[in-house]
Amino acid sequence: MARRRPTCAIVMNRVSLARLLLLRFGVRCPKAVTFASLRADLDRSGFTSQFVGLPGDVVDRPPLEGALRVEQSALGFELQSVDYGQARTVARATDEEEASELVRSDLRRPISEPRSITTEELTELRRSSERYLPELADRIRSSGGQVLIQLPPAIPVDRVGGPDGWLLNPFGAPFESRSLPPSALSLPSTVHPYVTEGDVLVHAQITLPWFGQPGGALRFSIADESVTIRDLLVSGALRRITVGR
């Protein structure tokens, strides 16, 4: 179920009410936040329309896989995470100002610095986890194409695209086995490596052939559809990694 996040303490949606408060009580309402002003703030922070899409954006480049997107709905607005053509609603807002605050609240949450590990450490982590992948693939095939599993701590994973989203692969899976669209390999899209530091509940599938590629890689989608990779990073269940010597 999509979550609701806190909004500003004072929200005035009707000009007549704001004018009445000013005339009778001398109360001046705060200036309403619009998507145009939010767009300017996001661009200054490096979150261009490739990372966060807003209503009214003039798009000149395709969004990154895993990008956030604000979409108008019958009841207001939805904050969506769009990963490889599939959108999940992660939060809802009733108006433009609340939707803007949702985006700001989501992006301002602190994330731990990447964990530095050596090549030898990564090799050992991969060896420990990859020995179970063939058995997992067999379970998936015998269970109709998908199984619910819990990734324990110390499992290296990665994704190609943007840093957010809700899809992961076992670390180092060949690109052709992931059936990536051509845009996924164009900058600023890149490989984002992580390691689990807590339990992560996912649906495991086998990637189907697509875009002229054979597929075959295991793919993990976060089981809770209101949770994104950023949420897991904030909670500490997932950690970015850098690999050194």
C-alpha atoms as a PDB file:
ATOM      1  CA  MET A   1       0.000   0.000   0.000  1.00  0.00           C
ATOM      2  CA  ALA A   2       1.440   3.383  -1.002  1.00  0.00           C
ATOM      3  CA  ARG A   3       2.510   5.497   1.932  1.00  0.00           C
ATOM      4  CA  ARG A   4       1.632   9.100   2.797  1.00  0.00           C
ATOM      5  CA  ARG A   5       4.412  11.363   3.966  1.00  0.00           C
ATOM      6  CA  PRO A   6       4.271  14.529   6.104  1.00  0.00           C
ATOM      7  CA  THR A   7       3.493  17.848   4.423  1.00  0.00           C
ATOM      8  CA  CYS A   8       4.169  21.479   5.324  1.00  0.00           C
ATOM      9  CA  ALA A   9       2.442  22.779   8.447  1.00  0.00           C
ATOM     10  CA  ILE A  10       0.446  25.422   6.548  1.00  0.00           C
ATOM     11  CA  VAL A  11      -1.046  24.757   3.129  1.00  0.00           C
ATOM     12  CA  MET A  12      -3.395  27.249   1.425  1.00  0.00           C
ATOM     13  CA  ASN A  13      -4.953  26.044  -1.793  1.00  0.00           C
ATOM     14  CA  ARG A  14      -7.545  28.771  -2.374  1.00  0.00           C
ATOM     15  CA  VAL A  15      -6.644  32.362  -3.166  1.00  0.00           C
ATOM     16  CA  SER A  16      -9.872  33.646  -1.591  1.00  0.00           C
ATOM     17  CA  LEU A  17      -9.015  32.090   1.773  1.00  0.00           C
ATOM     18  CA  ALA A  18      -5.501  33.498   1.698  1.00  0.00           C
ATOM     19  CA  ARG A  19      -6.848  36.962   0.858  1.00  0.00           C
ATOM     20  CA  LEU A  20      -9.406  36.766   3.682  1.00  0.00           C
ATOM     21  CA  LEU A  21      -6.738  35.896   6.235  1.00  0.00           C
ATOM     22  CA  LEU A  22      -4.553  38.770   5.054  1.00  0.00           C
ATOM     23  CA  LEU A  23      -7.359  41.352   5.153  1.00  0.00           C
ATOM     24  CA  ARG A  24      -8.893  40.336   8.489  1.00  0.00           C
ATOM     25  CA  PHE A  25      -5.960  39.128  10.537  1.00  0.00           C
ATOM     26  CA  GLY A  26      -2.843  40.337   8.742  1.00  0.00           C
ATOM     27  CA  VAL A  27      -1.770  36.732   8.197  1.00  0.00           C
ATOM     28  CA  ARG A  28       0.240  36.306   5.022  1.00  0.00           C
ATOM     29  CA  CYS A  29       0.199  32.771   3.646  1.00  0.00           C
ATOM     30  CA  PRO A  30       3.455  31.242   2.452  1.00  0.00           C
ATOM     31  CA  LYS A  31       3.993  31.282  -1.286  1.00  0.00           C
ATOM     32  CA  ALA A  32       2.660  28.105  -2.844  1.00  0.00           C
ATOM     33  CA  VAL A  33       5.243  25.652  -4.103  1.00  0.00           C
ATOM     34  CA  THR A  34       4.774  24.856  -7.776  1.00  0.00           C
ATOM     35  CA  PHE A  35       6.290  22.167  -9.946  1.00  0.00           C
ATOM     36  CA  ALA A  36       8.144  24.902 -11.840  1.00  0.00           C
ATOM     37  CA  SER A  37       9.913  26.087  -8.675  1.00  0.00           C
ATOM     38  CA  LEU A  38      10.532  22.489  -7.611  1.00  0.00           C
ATOM     39  CA  ARG A  39      12.056  21.766 -11.022  1.00  0.00           C
ATOM     40  CA  ALA A  40      14.465  24.661 -10.622  1.00  0.00           C
ATOM     41  CA  ASP A  41      15.486  23.485  -7.138  1.00  0.00           C
ATOM     42  CA  LEU A  42      15.966  19.889  -8.289  1.00  0.00           C
ATOM     43  CA  ASP A  43      18.075  20.940 -11.269  1.00  0.00           C
ATOM     44  CA  ARG A  44      20.335  22.971  -8.982  1.00  0.00           C
ATOM     45  CA  SER A  45      20.758  19.878  -6.783  1.00  0.00           C
ATOM     46  CA  GLY A  46      21.647  17.642  -9.733  1.00  0.00           C
ATOM     47  CA  PHE A  47      18.283  15.868  -9.932  1.00  0.00           C
ATOM     48  CA  THR A  48      17.485  16.678 -13.546  1.00  0.00           C
ATOM     49  CA  SER A  49      14.405  15.392 -15.357  1.00  0.00           C
ATOM     50  CA  GLN A  50      16.341  12.193 -16.064  1.00  0.00           C
ATOM     51  CA  PHE A  51      16.275  11.435 -12.329  1.00  0.00           C
ATOM     52  CA  VAL A  52      12.934  12.994 -11.305  1.00  0.00           C
ATOM     53  CA  GLY A  53      10.101  13.663 -13.756  1.00  0.00           C
ATOM     54  CA  LEU A  54       7.504  16.347 -12.999  1.00  0.00           C
ATOM     55  CA  PRO A  55       4.294  17.418 -14.753  1.00  0.00           C
ATOM     56  CA  GLY A  56       5.146  20.102 -17.308  1.00  0.00           C
ATOM     57  CA  ASP A  57       8.759  19.019 -17.814  1.00  0.00           C
ATOM     58  CA  VAL A  58      10.265  19.665 -21.230  1.00  0.00           C
ATOM     59  CA  VAL A  59      12.073  16.371 -21.747  1.00  0.00           C
ATOM     60  CA  ASP A  60      15.069  16.300 -24.083  1.00  0.00           C
ATOM     61  CA  ARG A  61      16.617  13.036 -22.851  1.00  0.00           C
ATOM     62  CA  PRO A  62      15.022   9.768 -21.751  1.00  0.00           C
ATOM     63  CA  PRO A  63      14.628   9.204 -17.997  1.00  0.00           C
ATOM     64  CA  LEU A  64      16.997   6.847 -16.253  1.00  0.00           C
ATOM     65  CA  GLU A  65      15.762   3.420 -15.275  1.00  0.00           C
ATOM     66  CA  GLY A  66      14.523   3.695 -11.704  1.00  0.00           C
ATOM     67  CA  ALA A  67      13.681   7.401 -11.984  1.00  0.00           C
ATOM     68  CA  LEU A  68      11.033   8.997  -9.802  1.00  0.00           C
ATOM     69  CA  ARG A  69       8.006  10.452 -11.567  1.00  0.00           C
ATOM     70  CA  VAL A  70       5.105  12.586 -10.356  1.00  0.00           C
ATOM     71  CA  GLU A  71       1.902  11.703 -12.210  1.00  0.00           C
ATOM     72  CA  GLN A  72      -1.497  13.329 -11.900  1.00  0.00           C
ATOM     73  CA  SER A  73      -4.259  10.984 -10.739  1.00  0.00           C
ATOM     74  CA  ALA A  74      -7.988  11.157 -10.099  1.00  0.00           C
ATOM     75  CA  LEU A  75      -7.352  12.002  -6.430  1.00  0.00           C
ATOM     76  CA  GLY A  76      -4.356  14.297  -6.856  1.00  0.00           C
ATOM     77  CA  PHE A  77      -0.846  13.110  -7.639  1.00  0.00           C
ATOM     78  CA  GLU A  78       1.173   9.902  -7.371  1.00  0.00           C
ATOM     79  CA  LEU A  79       4.896   9.592  -6.748  1.00  0.00           C
ATOM     80  CA  GLN A  80       6.030   6.667  -8.870  1.00  0.00           C
ATOM     81  CA  SER A  81       9.249   4.726  -9.283  1.00  0.00           C
ATOM     82  CA  VAL A  82       9.600   3.623 -12.904  1.00  0.00           C
ATOM     83  CA  ASP A  83      12.002   0.760 -13.554  1.00  0.00           C
ATOM     84  CA  TYR A  84      12.378  -0.771 -17.011  1.00  0.00           C
ATOM     85  CA  GLY A  85       8.951   0.304 -18.197  1.00  0.00           C
ATOM     86  CA  GLN A  86       7.055  -0.667 -15.041  1.00  0.00           C
ATOM     87  CA  ALA A  87       5.727   1.976 -12.647  1.00  0.00           C
ATOM     88  CA  ARG A  88       5.072   1.461  -8.953  1.00  0.00           C
ATOM     89  CA  THR A  89       3.221   4.035  -6.875  1.00  0.00           C
ATOM     90  CA  VAL A  90       5.253   4.640  -3.723  1.00  0.00           C
ATOM     91  CA  ALA A  91       3.340   7.629  -2.286  1.00  0.00           C
ATOM     92  CA  ARG A  92       0.294   9.811  -2.951  1.00  0.00           C
ATOM     93  CA  ALA A  93      -0.469  13.518  -2.540  1.00  0.00           C
ATOM     94  CA  THR A  94      -3.665  15.529  -2.765  1.00  0.00           C
ATOM     95  CA  ASP A  95      -2.261  18.661  -4.422  1.00  0.00           C
ATOM     96  CA  GLU A  96       0.781  20.189  -6.108  1.00  0.00           C
ATOM     97  CA  GLU A  97       2.313  21.528  -2.912  1.00  0.00           C
ATOM     98  CA  GLU A  98       1.999  18.218  -1.078  1.00  0.00           C
ATOM     99  CA  ALA A  99       3.434  16.374  -4.078  1.00  0.00           C
ATOM    100  CA  SER A 100       6.388  18.764  -4.151  1.00  0.00           C
ATOM    101  CA  GLU A 101       7.020  18.182  -0.453  1.00  0.00           C
ATOM    102  CA  LEU A 102       6.859  14.417  -1.048  1.00  0.00           C
ATOM    103  CA  VAL A 103       9.659  14.677  -3.582  1.00  0.00           C
ATOM    104  CA  ARG A 104      11.773  16.913  -1.356  1.00  0.00           C
ATOM    105  CA  SER A 105      11.253  14.657   1.683  1.00  0.00           C
ATOM    106  CA  ASP A 106      12.191  11.572  -0.294  1.00  0.00           C
ATOM    107  CA  LEU A 107      15.414  13.017  -1.684  1.00  0.00           C
ATOM    108  CA  ARG A 108      16.670  14.804   1.434  1.00  0.00           C
ATOM    109  CA  ARG A 109      16.846  11.643   3.559  1.00  0.00           C
ATOM    110  CA  PRO A 110      20.424  10.833   4.607  1.00  0.00           C
ATOM    111  CA  ILE A 111      22.117   7.775   3.113  1.00  0.00           C
ATOM    112  CA  SER A 112      25.217   6.108   4.548  1.00  0.00           C
ATOM    113  CA  GLU A 113      28.512   6.616   2.769  1.00  0.00           C
ATOM    114  CA  PRO A 114      29.554   3.734   0.492  1.00  0.00           C
ATOM    115  CA  ARG A 115      31.309   0.838   2.142  1.00  0.00           C
ATOM    116  CA  SER A 116      34.809   0.259   0.769  1.00  0.00           C
ATOM    117  CA  ILE A 117      35.713  -3.372   0.168  1.00  0.00           C
ATOM    118  CA  THR A 118      38.715  -4.991  -1.468  1.00  0.00           C
ATOM    119  CA  THR A 119      38.631  -7.064  -4.623  1.00  0.00           C
ATOM    120  CA  GLU A 120      39.393 -10.131  -2.522  1.00  0.00           C
ATOM    121  CA  GLU A 121      36.467  -9.421  -0.194  1.00  0.00           C
ATOM    122  CA  LEU A 122      34.114  -8.979  -3.133  1.00  0.00           C
ATOM    123  CA  THR A 123      35.350 -12.202  -4.722  1.00  0.00           C
ATOM    124  CA  GLU A 124      34.616 -14.099  -1.512  1.00  0.00           C
ATOM    125  CA  LEU A 125      31.153 -12.536  -1.178  1.00  0.00           C
ATOM    126  CA  ARG A 126      30.347 -13.510  -4.748  1.00  0.00           C
ATOM    127  CA  ARG A 127      31.662 -17.043  -4.290  1.00  0.00           C
ATOM    128  CA  SER A 128      29.548 -17.537  -1.179  1.00  0.00           C
ATOM    129  CA  SER A 129      26.327 -16.321  -2.814  1.00  0.00           C
ATOM    130  CA  GLU A 130      26.684 -17.530  -6.405  1.00  0.00           C
ATOM    131  CA  ARG A 131      26.855 -21.189  -5.460  1.00  0.00           C
ATOM    132  CA  TYR A 132      23.132 -21.004  -4.612  1.00  0.00           C
ATOM    133  CA  LEU A 133      22.061 -19.347  -7.878  1.00  0.00           C
ATOM    134  CA  PRO A 134      21.642 -22.538  -9.989  1.00  0.00           C
ATOM    135  CA  GLU A 135      19.385 -24.064  -7.327  1.00  0.00           C
ATOM    136  CA  LEU A 136      17.391 -20.828  -7.143  1.00  0.00           C
ATOM    137  CA  ALA A 137      16.978 -20.792 -10.930  1.00  0.00           C
ATOM    138  CA  ASP A 138      15.612 -24.349 -10.804  1.00  0.00           C
ATOM    139  CA  ARG A 139      13.121 -23.335  -8.093  1.00  0.00           C
ATOM    140  CA  ILE A 140      11.941 -20.433 -10.229  1.00  0.00           C
ATOM    141  CA  ARG A 141      11.390 -22.641 -13.282  1.00  0.00           C
ATOM    142  CA  SER A 142       9.463 -25.216 -11.270  1.00  0.00           C
ATOM    143  CA  SER A 143       7.321 -22.568  -9.543  1.00  0.00           C
ATOM    144  CA  GLY A 144       5.798 -20.851 -12.547  1.00  0.00           C
ATOM    145  CA  GLY A 145       8.471 -18.232 -13.133  1.00  0.00           C
ATOM    146  CA  GLN A 146       8.730 -16.473  -9.767  1.00  0.00           C
ATOM    147  CA  VAL A 147       9.544 -17.218  -6.128  1.00  0.00           C
ATOM    148  CA  LEU A 148       9.495 -15.086  -2.997  1.00  0.00           C
ATOM    149  CA  ILE A 149      12.839 -15.218  -1.186  1.00  0.00           C
ATOM    150  CA  GLN A 150      14.679 -13.308   1.501  1.00  0.00           C
ATOM    151  CA  LEU A 151      18.153 -12.108   0.636  1.00  0.00           C
ATOM    152  CA  PRO A 152      20.253 -12.364   3.814  1.00  0.00           C
ATOM    153  CA  PRO A 153      23.096  -9.978   4.690  1.00  0.00           C
ATOM    154  CA  ALA A 154      26.368 -10.119   2.703  1.00  0.00           C
ATOM    155  CA  ILE A 155      24.801 -10.661  -0.739  1.00  0.00           C
ATOM    156  CA  PRO A 156      26.431  -8.492  -3.447  1.00  0.00           C
ATOM    157  CA  VAL A 157      23.959  -7.142  -6.005  1.00  0.00           C
ATOM    158  CA  ASP A 158      23.914  -4.372  -8.576  1.00  0.00           C
ATOM    159  CA  ARG A 159      21.708  -2.596 -11.083  1.00  0.00           C
ATOM    160  CA  VAL A 160      22.183  -0.789 -14.387  1.00  0.00           C
ATOM    161  CA  GLY A 161      20.442   2.558 -14.809  1.00  0.00           C
ATOM    162  CA  GLY A 162      19.847   5.173 -12.140  1.00  0.00           C
ATOM    163  CA  PRO A 163      20.689   4.755  -8.456  1.00  0.00           C
ATOM    164  CA  ASP A 164      17.061   4.281  -7.403  1.00  0.00           C
ATOM    165  CA  GLY A 165      14.292   1.931  -8.548  1.00  0.00           C
ATOM    166  CA  TRP A 166      13.235  -1.481  -7.311  1.00  0.00           C
ATOM    167  CA  LEU A 167      15.039  -4.011  -9.539  1.00  0.00           C
ATOM    168  CA  LEU A 168      18.387  -5.659  -8.780  1.00  0.00           C
ATOM    169  CA  ASN A 169      20.570  -8.407 -10.251  1.00  0.00           C
ATOM    170  CA  PRO A 170      23.225 -10.649  -8.764  1.00  0.00           C
ATOM    171  CA  PHE A 171      26.478  -8.710  -8.849  1.00  0.00           C
ATOM    172  CA  GLY A 172      28.278  -8.845 -12.179  1.00  0.00           C
ATOM    173  CA  ALA A 173      25.574 -10.564 -14.244  1.00  0.00           C
ATOM    174  CA  PRO A 174      26.537 -10.138 -17.939  1.00  0.00           C
ATOM    175  CA  PHE A 175      24.741  -7.246 -19.625  1.00  0.00           C
ATOM    176  CA  GLU A 176      23.334  -9.426 -22.405  1.00  0.00           C
ATOM    177  CA  SER A 177      21.761 -11.739 -19.822  1.00  0.00           C
ATOM    178  CA  ARG A 178      19.838  -8.775 -18.375  1.00  0.00           C
ATOM    179  CA  SER A 179      18.070  -7.926 -21.677  1.00  0.00           C
ATOM    180  CA  LEU A 180      18.812  -4.224 -21.253  1.00  0.00           C
ATOM    181  CA  PRO A 181      17.340  -1.579 -23.568  1.00  0.00           C
ATOM    182  CA  PRO A 182      19.981   0.428 -25.505  1.00  0.00           C
ATOM    183  CA  SER A 183      19.354   3.558 -23.398  1.00  0.00           C
ATOM    184  CA  ALA A 184      20.376   1.702 -20.224  1.00  0.00           C
ATOM    185  CA  LEU A 185      24.026   1.792 -21.295  1.00  0.00           C
ATOM    186  CA  SER A 186      24.164   5.525 -22.085  1.00  0.00           C
ATOM    187  CA  LEU A 187      25.512   8.007 -19.529  1.00  0.00           C
ATOM    188  CA  PRO A 188      24.523   9.100 -16.934  1.00  0.00           C
ATOM    189  CA  SER A 189      23.159   5.560 -16.655  1.00  0.00           C
ATOM    190  CA  THR A 190      25.757   3.309 -15.076  1.00  0.00           C
ATOM    191  CA  VAL A 191      26.291   0.235 -12.883  1.00  0.00           C
ATOM    192  CA  HIS A 192      25.428   0.759  -9.217  1.00  0.00           C
ATOM    193  CA  PRO A 193      26.912  -1.887  -6.866  1.00  0.00           C
ATOM    194  CA  TYR A 194      25.442  -2.709  -3.464  1.00  0.00           C
ATOM    195  CA  VAL A 195      25.673  -5.292  -0.718  1.00  0.00           C
ATOM    196  CA  THR A 196      22.850  -6.352   1.579  1.00  0.00           C
ATOM    197  CA  GLU A 197      23.436  -5.539   5.250  1.00  0.00           C
ATOM    198  CA  GLY A 198      20.024  -6.708   6.415  1.00  0.00           C
ATOM    199  CA  ASP A 199      17.278  -9.015   5.199  1.00  0.00           C
ATOM    200  CA  VAL A 200      15.673  -7.918   1.910  1.00  0.00           C
ATOM    201  CA  LEU A 201      12.456  -9.602   0.760  1.00  0.00           C
ATOM    202  CA  VAL A 202      12.326  -9.918  -3.036  1.00  0.00           C
ATOM    203  CA  HIS A 203      10.588 -11.730  -5.847  1.00  0.00           C
ATOM    204  CA  ALA A 204      13.163 -13.676  -7.871  1.00  0.00           C
ATOM    205  CA  GLN A 205      12.646 -14.232 -11.594  1.00  0.00           C
ATOM    206  CA  ILE A 206      14.657 -15.196 -14.650  1.00  0.00           C
ATOM    207  CA  THR A 207      15.084 -12.397 -17.194  1.00  0.00           C
ATOM    208  CA  LEU A 208      13.378 -13.165 -20.497  1.00  0.00           C
ATOM    209  CA  PRO A 209      14.982 -12.522 -23.909  1.00  0.00           C
ATOM    210  CA  TRP A 210      14.382  -8.950 -25.118  1.00  0.00           C
ATOM    211  CA  PHE A 211      15.982  -6.275 -27.286  1.00  0.00           C
ATOM    212  CA  GLY A 212      17.750  -8.968 -29.297  1.00  0.00           C
ATOM    213  CA  GLN A 213      19.507 -10.275 -26.190  1.00  0.00           C
ATOM    214  CA  PRO A 214      19.281 -13.783 -24.734  1.00  0.00           C
ATOM    215  CA  GLY A 215      18.340 -12.919 -21.141  1.00  0.00           C
ATOM    216  CA  GLY A 216      18.783 -15.606 -18.514  1.00  0.00           C
ATOM    217  CA  ALA A 217      20.045 -13.534 -15.568  1.00  0.00           C
ATOM    218  CA  LEU A 218      18.302 -13.749 -12.236  1.00  0.00           C
ATOM    219  CA  ARG A 219      16.428 -10.585 -11.365  1.00  0.00           C
ATOM    220  CA  PHE A 220      15.245  -9.458  -7.951  1.00  0.00           C
ATOM    221  CA  SER A 221      12.289  -7.096  -7.531  1.00  0.00           C
ATOM    222  CA  ILE A 222      11.627  -5.621  -4.084  1.00  0.00           C
ATOM    223  CA  ALA A 223       8.572  -7.448  -2.752  1.00  0.00           C
ATOM    224  CA  ASP A 224       6.959  -4.444  -1.040  1.00  0.00           C
ATOM    225  CA  GLU A 225       5.782  -2.279  -3.932  1.00  0.00           C
ATOM    226  CA  SER A 226       5.919   0.892  -1.829  1.00  0.00           C
ATOM    227  CA  VAL A 227       9.637   0.407  -1.111  1.00  0.00           C
ATOM    228  CA  THR A 228      12.482   1.562  -3.347  1.00  0.00           C
ATOM    229  CA  ILE A 229      16.225   1.072  -3.302  1.00  0.00           C
ATOM    230  CA  ARG A 230      16.562   4.491  -1.673  1.00  0.00           C
ATOM    231  CA  ASP A 231      14.338   3.263   1.181  1.00  0.00           C
ATOM    232  CA  LEU A 232      16.593   0.239   1.679  1.00  0.00           C
ATOM    233  CA  LEU A 233      19.678   2.467   1.675  1.00  0.00           C
ATOM    234  CA  VAL A 234      18.107   4.784   4.248  1.00  0.00           C
ATOM    235  CA  SER A 235      17.086   1.871   6.498  1.00  0.00           C
ATOM    236  CA  GLY A 236      20.519   0.260   6.216  1.00  0.00           C
ATOM    237  CA  ALA A 237      19.265  -2.994   4.703  1.00  0.00           C
ATOM    238  CA  LEU A 238      21.253  -2.157   1.557  1.00  0.00           C
ATOM    239  CA  ARG A 239      24.616  -0.381   1.293  1.00  0.00           C
ATOM    240  CA  ARG A 240      26.439   1.127  -1.627  1.00  0.00           C
ATOM    241  CA  ILE A 241      29.936  -0.257  -2.139  1.00  0.00           C
ATOM    242  CA  THR A 242      33.161   0.849  -3.758  1.00  0.00           C
ATOM    243  CA  VAL A 243      35.729  -1.752  -4.729  1.00  0.00           C
ATOM    244  CA  GLY A 244      39.419  -1.085  -4.230  1.00  0.00           C
ATOM    245  CA  ARG A 245      42.555  -3.161  -4.193  1.00  0.00           C
END
